Amino acid sequence: MDRNKLIRLFESISLSINIEDIELNLPIAFSARYDLAKASISDVRFEFMLIKEKRHGSIESFIKQAERISKEVNKPYILVFSEIESKTRSLLLKARIPFVDYKGNFFIPDLGLVLNKELPIFKEQQFSPSEQLVIIYLLLKDYRAINPEQISFSTGVSVPTVYRALKTFVARNWLQSGYGEYSFKKEPIEVYNESSKVMINPVKRKVFVDFDHFETLKKETYLINNMKLAGLAALSNVSMLSKPASTYAVSNKIFNKLIKENSLNKKFIFEKQIGNSIEIQLWKYDPFTINDKEGVDPISLFLSLRDVNDPRVEIELDNLNNNIKLNLEERHAY
């Protein structure tokens, strides 16, 4: 780590930085891979860790280990690069992860907040699909410690995108962050009531697949693992509705992948119901289940059906939403 270059960089924005060695009780592998230093800016009483890779690895691994080091020393961190790649810079900016490089690129949101003494103001803009999937997962999965890697594994959302979503939720005052760890700041029911205002319908569009062709497809493990019961069929499993024909949800991305690989034959796919064809909902994010149940998660199910103009369905959706809120009220802020 070239400390002189870092000092000059901070001096260029009229900040005096002090960089010191630090003794840490970390595995030897960390010392072999990362160059670590403690830094402080006396003008704003801001202390943090500078972390630079000695040998290049994946950005996901770099973020993960930086979070771990940050937690160990109980200080925020800034990632250091010799020259950050454009793709990596864009990713870190979106995820609001602090970084600096020797070429003069830097992004330090914590420092910006200290200097400006203001928090971002959010308009009532709708969630991105990834943000919605992450917040639903957090609300429905009862984990006391929020684990970005576990969220990524369970939802299919990349680790950097998960971190980006978590930092957005912190800024919205729903979560709190302490040196790499995230937890609920507000009670889950409060988060749900506020976040539901900007949730989107997960269904991008609907198609219909020939029944016999669909039965053949069901033998494919890849499709079965990524397809969940949805629509009125899923609602009937948790309500008094009589069971209709099955409807399934799969992500639009996976559906297009199956077509590209010729696993799905286009001649058996229709835009309208023909005969006893099966309805497939193409979702904006990967549908997931709770406790390995057959149907999609209850929040996404509610969102996917709330525009249905049928009094019977509306009654059962109200009951479903009330049950969601009741379950969330039973949980406490961590």
Protein backbone atom coordinates (compact mmCIF):
# COMPACT_ATOMS: atom_id res chain seq x y z
CA MET A 1 0.00 0.00 0.00
CA ASP A 2 1.50 3.32 -1.09
CA ARG A 3 0.70 5.54 1.88
CA ASN A 4 2.29 8.65 0.38
CA LYS A 5 -0.04 8.50 -2.62
CA LEU A 6 -3.04 8.14 -0.31
CA ILE A 7 -1.93 11.06 1.84
CA ARG A 8 -1.52 13.26 -1.25
CA LEU A 9 -4.93 12.20 -2.52
CA PHE A 10 -6.67 13.24 0.68
CA GLU A 11 -4.66 16.46 0.82
CA SER A 12 -6.02 17.28 -2.65
CA ILE A 13 -9.48 17.55 -1.07
CA SER A 14 -8.13 19.50 1.89
CA LEU A 15 -8.17 16.63 4.36
CA SER A 16 -5.24 15.63 6.53
CA ILE A 17 -5.04 11.86 6.92
CA ASN A 18 -2.91 9.92 9.40
CA ILE A 19 -2.05 6.31 8.45
CA GLU A 20 -0.65 3.90 11.03
CA ASP A 21 0.30 0.23 11.28
CA ILE A 22 -2.12 -1.95 13.17
CA GLU A 23 -1.63 -5.24 15.01
CA LEU A 24 -4.50 -7.63 14.42
CA ASN A 25 -5.20 -11.14 15.63
CA LEU A 26 -6.19 -12.47 12.22
CA PRO A 27 -5.39 -15.73 10.40
CA ILE A 28 -2.02 -15.82 8.62
CA ALA A 29 -3.86 -16.11 5.31
CA PHE A 30 -5.20 -12.58 5.77
CA SER A 31 -1.70 -11.13 6.22
CA ALA A 32 -0.54 -12.95 3.11
CA ARG A 33 -3.37 -11.61 1.00
CA TYR A 34 -4.19 -8.16 2.39
CA ASP A 35 -2.25 -5.02 3.23
CA LEU A 36 -3.91 -3.40 6.24
CA ALA A 37 -3.55 -0.04 7.94
CA LYS A 38 -5.48 2.12 10.38
CA ALA A 39 -6.30 5.65 9.25
CA SER A 40 -7.91 8.70 10.77
CA ILE A 41 -8.99 12.16 9.68
CA SER A 42 -8.77 14.41 12.70
CA ASP A 43 -10.77 17.22 11.12
CA VAL A 44 -13.94 15.13 11.28
CA ARG A 45 -12.92 12.57 13.93
CA PHE A 46 -13.29 9.77 11.42
CA GLU A 47 -11.33 6.51 11.91
CA PHE A 48 -11.33 3.60 9.49
CA MET A 49 -9.39 0.68 8.04
CA LEU A 50 -7.56 0.82 4.72
CA ILE A 51 -7.58 -2.60 3.05
CA LYS A 52 -5.70 -3.44 -0.14
CA GLU A 53 -5.28 -6.79 -1.87
CA LYS A 54 -1.71 -8.01 -2.31
CA ARG A 55 -2.82 -10.37 -5.05
CA HIS A 56 -5.90 -9.93 -7.18
CA GLY A 57 -9.02 -11.99 -6.48
CA SER A 58 -12.75 -11.68 -7.06
CA ILE A 59 -14.41 -8.47 -5.92
CA GLU A 60 -17.04 -10.52 -4.08
CA SER A 61 -14.34 -12.20 -1.98
CA PHE A 62 -12.62 -8.84 -1.38
CA ILE A 63 -15.85 -7.32 -0.03
CA LYS A 64 -16.63 -10.37 2.09
CA GLN A 65 -13.22 -10.42 3.76
CA ALA A 66 -13.20 -6.64 4.22
CA GLU A 67 -16.50 -6.91 6.06
CA ARG A 68 -15.00 -9.62 8.26
CA ILE A 69 -11.92 -7.54 9.05
CA SER A 70 -14.09 -4.50 9.75
CA LYS A 71 -16.12 -6.50 12.22
CA GLU A 72 -12.99 -7.81 13.93
CA VAL A 73 -11.50 -4.35 14.52
CA ASN A 74 -14.85 -2.61 15.06
CA LYS A 75 -14.10 0.08 12.48
CA PRO A 76 -15.50 0.92 9.03
CA TYR A 77 -13.30 0.22 6.03
CA ILE A 78 -12.23 1.67 2.69
CA LEU A 79 -11.07 -0.60 -0.13
CA VAL A 80 -7.81 0.52 -1.75
CA PHE A 81 -6.90 -0.14 -5.41
CA SER A 82 -3.88 0.80 -7.49
CA GLU A 83 -6.25 1.60 -10.35
CA ILE A 84 -9.87 0.56 -10.08
CA GLU A 85 -11.48 -0.96 -13.18
CA SER A 86 -14.52 0.82 -14.60
CA LYS A 87 -16.76 -2.21 -14.04
CA THR A 88 -15.64 -2.60 -10.43
CA ARG A 89 -16.03 1.12 -9.78
CA SER A 90 -19.61 1.09 -11.07
CA LEU A 91 -20.43 -1.96 -8.97
CA LEU A 92 -19.04 -0.44 -5.76
CA LEU A 93 -20.77 2.88 -6.40
CA LYS A 94 -24.11 1.12 -6.80
CA ALA A 95 -23.48 -0.92 -3.67
CA ARG A 96 -22.32 2.19 -1.78
CA ILE A 97 -19.11 0.45 -0.75
CA PRO A 98 -16.26 2.91 -0.01
CA PHE A 99 -13.13 2.80 -2.13
CA VAL A 100 -10.11 4.84 -3.20
CA ASP A 101 -7.42 4.33 -5.83
CA TYR A 102 -4.06 5.95 -6.58
CA LYS A 103 -5.45 7.63 -9.71
CA GLY A 104 -7.73 9.90 -7.71
CA ASN A 105 -10.97 7.95 -7.83
CA PHE A 106 -12.64 7.75 -4.43
CA PHE A 107 -16.04 7.20 -2.92
CA ILE A 108 -16.49 7.46 0.85
CA PRO A 109 -20.20 7.78 1.72
CA ASP A 110 -19.56 7.70 5.49
CA LEU A 111 -17.14 10.59 5.19
CA GLY A 112 -19.58 12.47 3.00
CA LEU A 113 -22.28 12.11 5.60
CA VAL A 114 -19.91 13.40 8.31
CA LEU A 115 -18.92 16.42 6.27
CA ASN A 116 -22.39 17.28 4.99
CA LYS A 117 -24.30 16.17 8.07
CA GLU A 118 -27.22 15.01 5.99
CA LEU A 119 -28.78 11.73 4.96
CA PRO A 120 -30.13 10.92 1.49
CA ILE A 121 -33.77 11.74 0.88
CA PHE A 122 -35.73 8.99 -0.82
CA LYS A 123 -38.66 9.56 -3.07
CA GLU A 124 -41.43 6.98 -3.12
CA GLN A 125 -39.72 5.21 -5.99
CA GLN A 126 -40.50 1.56 -6.56
CA PHE A 127 -38.09 -1.19 -5.61
CA SER A 128 -35.83 -2.76 -8.16
CA PRO A 129 -36.56 -6.51 -8.45
CA SER A 130 -33.36 -7.35 -6.54
CA GLU A 131 -34.17 -4.91 -3.70
CA GLN A 132 -37.65 -6.34 -3.38
CA LEU A 133 -36.42 -9.92 -3.29
CA VAL A 134 -33.87 -9.09 -0.58
CA ILE A 135 -36.34 -7.20 1.66
CA ILE A 136 -38.95 -9.97 1.33
CA TYR A 137 -36.33 -12.55 2.24
CA LEU A 138 -35.31 -10.53 5.30
CA LEU A 139 -38.91 -10.13 6.44
CA LEU A 140 -39.85 -13.78 6.07
CA LYS A 141 -36.66 -15.56 7.09
CA ASP A 142 -36.21 -15.41 10.86
CA TYR A 143 -32.45 -14.87 11.09
CA ARG A 144 -31.05 -12.93 14.02
CA ALA A 145 -27.86 -12.18 12.12
CA ILE A 146 -28.32 -10.95 8.56
CA ASN A 147 -25.85 -12.83 6.39
CA PRO A 148 -25.32 -11.32 2.89
CA GLU A 149 -23.69 -14.50 1.58
CA GLN A 150 -26.63 -16.64 2.76
CA ILE A 151 -29.09 -14.20 1.20
CA SER A 152 -27.17 -14.40 -2.08
CA PHE A 153 -27.11 -18.21 -1.98
CA SER A 154 -30.84 -18.47 -1.23
CA THR A 155 -32.10 -15.79 -3.63
CA GLY A 156 -29.64 -15.87 -6.51
CA VAL A 157 -28.92 -12.15 -6.07
CA SER A 158 -25.18 -11.43 -6.37
CA VAL A 159 -23.30 -10.58 -3.16
CA PRO A 160 -22.44 -7.00 -4.24
CA THR A 161 -26.11 -6.39 -5.14
CA VAL A 162 -27.18 -7.74 -1.75
CA TYR A 163 -24.80 -5.31 -0.03
CA ARG A 164 -26.17 -2.49 -2.16
CA ALA A 165 -29.72 -3.35 -1.10
CA LEU A 166 -28.75 -3.61 2.58
CA LYS A 167 -27.06 -0.21 2.50
CA THR A 168 -30.19 1.26 0.89
CA PHE A 169 -32.31 -0.22 3.69
CA VAL A 170 -29.94 1.28 6.26
CA ALA A 171 -30.36 4.68 4.61
CA ARG A 172 -34.13 4.21 4.74
CA ASN A 173 -33.79 3.61 8.49
CA TRP A 174 -35.12 0.04 8.32
CA LEU A 175 -31.82 -1.66 9.15
CA GLN A 176 -28.79 -0.66 11.16
CA SER A 177 -25.18 -1.45 10.39
CA GLY A 178 -22.28 -1.83 12.75
CA TYR A 179 -18.93 -2.45 11.10
CA GLY A 180 -20.03 -5.12 8.66
CA GLU A 181 -23.03 -6.50 10.55
CA TYR A 182 -26.64 -5.70 9.70
CA SER A 183 -29.76 -6.05 11.83
CA PHE A 184 -33.30 -4.69 11.96
CA LYS A 185 -33.53 -1.17 13.36
CA LYS A 186 -37.31 -1.05 13.19
CA GLU A 187 -39.65 -3.88 13.98
CA PRO A 188 -40.35 -6.09 10.94
CA ILE A 189 -44.03 -5.11 10.84
CA GLU A 190 -43.04 -1.44 10.55
CA VAL A 191 -40.60 -2.25 7.77
CA TYR A 192 -43.29 -4.21 5.94
CA ASN A 193 -45.86 -1.43 6.24
CA GLU A 194 -43.40 1.10 4.86
CA SER A 195 -41.73 -1.05 2.21
CA SER A 196 -44.99 -2.47 0.84
CA LYS A 197 -45.80 1.00 -0.48
CA VAL A 198 -43.00 0.71 -3.04
CA MET A 199 -43.22 -3.01 -3.81
CA ILE A 200 -43.86 -4.07 -7.40
CA ASN A 201 -45.87 -6.84 -9.00
CA PRO A 202 -43.27 -9.60 -9.52
CA VAL A 203 -45.01 -10.90 -12.65
CA LYS A 204 -43.41 -9.57 -15.83
CA ARG A 205 -45.78 -11.44 -18.16
CA LYS A 206 -47.69 -14.68 -18.53
CA VAL A 207 -47.45 -17.44 -21.11
CA PHE A 208 -49.19 -20.78 -21.58
CA VAL A 209 -47.41 -24.07 -22.28
CA ASP A 210 -48.98 -27.09 -23.92
CA PHE A 211 -49.94 -29.59 -21.21
CA ASP A 212 -48.15 -32.63 -22.71
CA HIS A 213 -45.02 -30.60 -23.43
CA PHE A 214 -45.10 -29.28 -19.87
CA GLU A 215 -45.36 -32.79 -18.44
CA THR A 216 -42.23 -33.69 -20.39
CA LEU A 217 -40.44 -30.59 -19.08
CA LYS A 218 -41.29 -31.48 -15.48
CA LYS A 219 -38.81 -34.35 -15.74
CA GLU A 220 -35.99 -31.82 -16.01
CA THR A 221 -34.45 -31.21 -12.57
CA TYR A 222 -33.25 -27.70 -13.47
CA LEU A 223 -36.76 -26.50 -14.28
CA ILE A 224 -38.38 -28.21 -11.29
CA ASN A 225 -35.85 -26.68 -8.88
CA ASN A 226 -36.56 -23.18 -10.17
CA MET A 227 -40.33 -23.39 -10.67
CA LYS A 228 -42.81 -22.73 -7.85
CA LEU A 229 -46.58 -23.01 -7.56
CA ALA A 230 -48.12 -19.55 -7.98
CA GLY A 231 -51.28 -17.59 -8.74
CA LEU A 232 -54.70 -18.74 -7.60
CA ALA A 233 -53.42 -22.30 -7.28
CA ALA A 234 -50.95 -21.19 -4.60
CA LEU A 235 -53.55 -18.97 -2.93
CA SER A 236 -55.98 -21.89 -2.71
CA ASN A 237 -53.41 -23.78 -0.62
CA VAL A 238 -53.56 -21.10 2.09
CA SER A 239 -57.21 -20.06 1.81
CA MET A 240 -60.77 -21.28 1.37
CA LEU A 241 -60.66 -20.91 -2.42
CA SER A 242 -61.42 -24.05 -4.39
CA LYS A 243 -58.32 -25.38 -6.14
CA PRO A 244 -58.07 -24.22 -9.79
CA ALA A 245 -55.73 -25.49 -12.51
CA SER A 246 -52.09 -25.24 -11.53
CA THR A 247 -50.12 -22.08 -12.25
CA TYR A 248 -46.35 -21.91 -11.92
CA ALA A 249 -43.82 -19.12 -11.54
CA VAL A 250 -40.29 -19.06 -12.91
CA SER A 251 -37.93 -16.16 -13.47
CA ASN A 252 -38.03 -14.58 -16.89
CA LYS A 253 -34.25 -15.07 -17.08
CA ILE A 254 -34.45 -18.83 -16.57
CA PHE A 255 -37.41 -19.14 -18.96
CA ASN A 256 -35.41 -17.42 -21.72
CA LYS A 257 -32.42 -19.62 -20.92
CA LEU A 258 -34.54 -22.75 -21.42
CA ILE A 259 -35.76 -21.46 -24.78
CA LYS A 260 -32.22 -20.63 -25.87
CA GLU A 261 -31.08 -24.14 -24.93
CA ASN A 262 -34.07 -25.61 -26.81
CA SER A 263 -35.40 -27.26 -23.67
CA LEU A 264 -38.59 -25.29 -24.30
CA ASN A 265 -40.07 -25.58 -27.77
CA LYS A 266 -41.54 -22.27 -28.92
CA LYS A 267 -44.28 -23.98 -30.90
CA PHE A 268 -45.77 -25.22 -27.62
CA ILE A 269 -45.77 -21.77 -25.99
CA PHE A 270 -48.82 -19.52 -26.37
CA GLU A 271 -49.74 -15.98 -25.39
CA LYS A 272 -53.33 -17.03 -24.57
CA GLN A 273 -54.93 -20.05 -22.94
CA ILE A 274 -55.44 -22.83 -25.50
CA GLY A 275 -57.13 -26.06 -24.41
CA ASN A 276 -55.70 -27.36 -21.15
CA SER A 277 -52.37 -25.53 -21.46
CA ILE A 278 -50.54 -24.63 -18.26
CA GLU A 279 -50.15 -20.99 -17.16
CA ILE A 280 -46.57 -19.94 -16.48
CA GLN A 281 -45.85 -16.62 -14.78
CA LEU A 282 -42.53 -15.11 -15.79
CA TRP A 283 -41.21 -13.23 -12.77
CA LYS A 284 -38.83 -10.28 -12.53
CA TYR A 285 -36.88 -12.15 -9.85
CA ASP A 286 -36.39 -15.76 -8.82
CA PRO A 287 -39.46 -17.01 -6.94
CA PHE A 288 -38.65 -18.71 -3.66
CA THR A 289 -40.57 -20.59 -0.99
CA ILE A 290 -40.70 -20.40 2.80
CA ASN A 291 -39.83 -23.49 4.81
CA ASP A 292 -39.62 -25.56 1.61
CA LYS A 293 -43.33 -25.20 0.89
CA GLU A 294 -44.60 -25.78 -2.64
CA GLY A 295 -45.91 -22.28 -3.27
CA VAL A 296 -44.17 -18.94 -3.73
CA ASP A 297 -43.57 -16.75 -0.69
CA PRO A 298 -46.76 -15.12 0.69
CA ILE A 299 -45.69 -11.50 0.15
CA SER A 300 -44.88 -12.05 -3.53
CA LEU A 301 -48.08 -14.07 -3.89
CA PHE A 302 -50.10 -11.17 -2.48
CA LEU A 303 -48.37 -8.70 -4.79
CA SER A 304 -48.91 -10.88 -7.86
CA LEU A 305 -52.68 -11.09 -7.29
CA ARG A 306 -53.68 -7.79 -5.71
CA ASP A 307 -54.92 -6.39 -9.05
CA VAL A 308 -57.29 -9.31 -9.64
CA ASN A 309 -60.85 -7.99 -9.83
CA ASP A 310 -62.75 -10.79 -8.11
CA PRO A 311 -64.49 -10.28 -4.71
CA ARG A 312 -63.72 -13.85 -3.60
CA VAL A 313 -60.04 -13.42 -4.38
CA GLU A 314 -59.94 -9.98 -2.75
CA ILE A 315 -61.32 -11.41 0.51
CA GLU A 316 -58.72 -14.18 0.60
CA LEU A 317 -55.94 -11.72 -0.26
CA ASP A 318 -56.99 -9.51 2.64
CA ASN A 319 -56.81 -12.57 4.89
CA LEU A 320 -53.40 -13.47 3.49
CA ASN A 321 -52.07 -9.95 4.06
CA ASN A 322 -53.46 -9.92 7.61
CA ASN A 323 -51.70 -13.23 8.30
CA ILE A 324 -48.43 -11.81 6.96
CA LYS A 325 -48.76 -8.82 9.29
CA LEU A 326 -49.72 -11.02 12.24
CA ASN A 327 -46.64 -13.19 11.77
CA LEU A 328 -44.42 -10.11 11.49
CA GLU A 329 -45.92 -8.54 14.62
CA GLU A 330 -44.84 -11.60 16.56
CA ARG A 331 -41.22 -10.88 15.72
CA HIS A 332 -39.18 -8.24 17.53
CA ALA A 333 -36.50 -5.88 16.27
CA TYR A 334 -33.06 -7.44 16.69
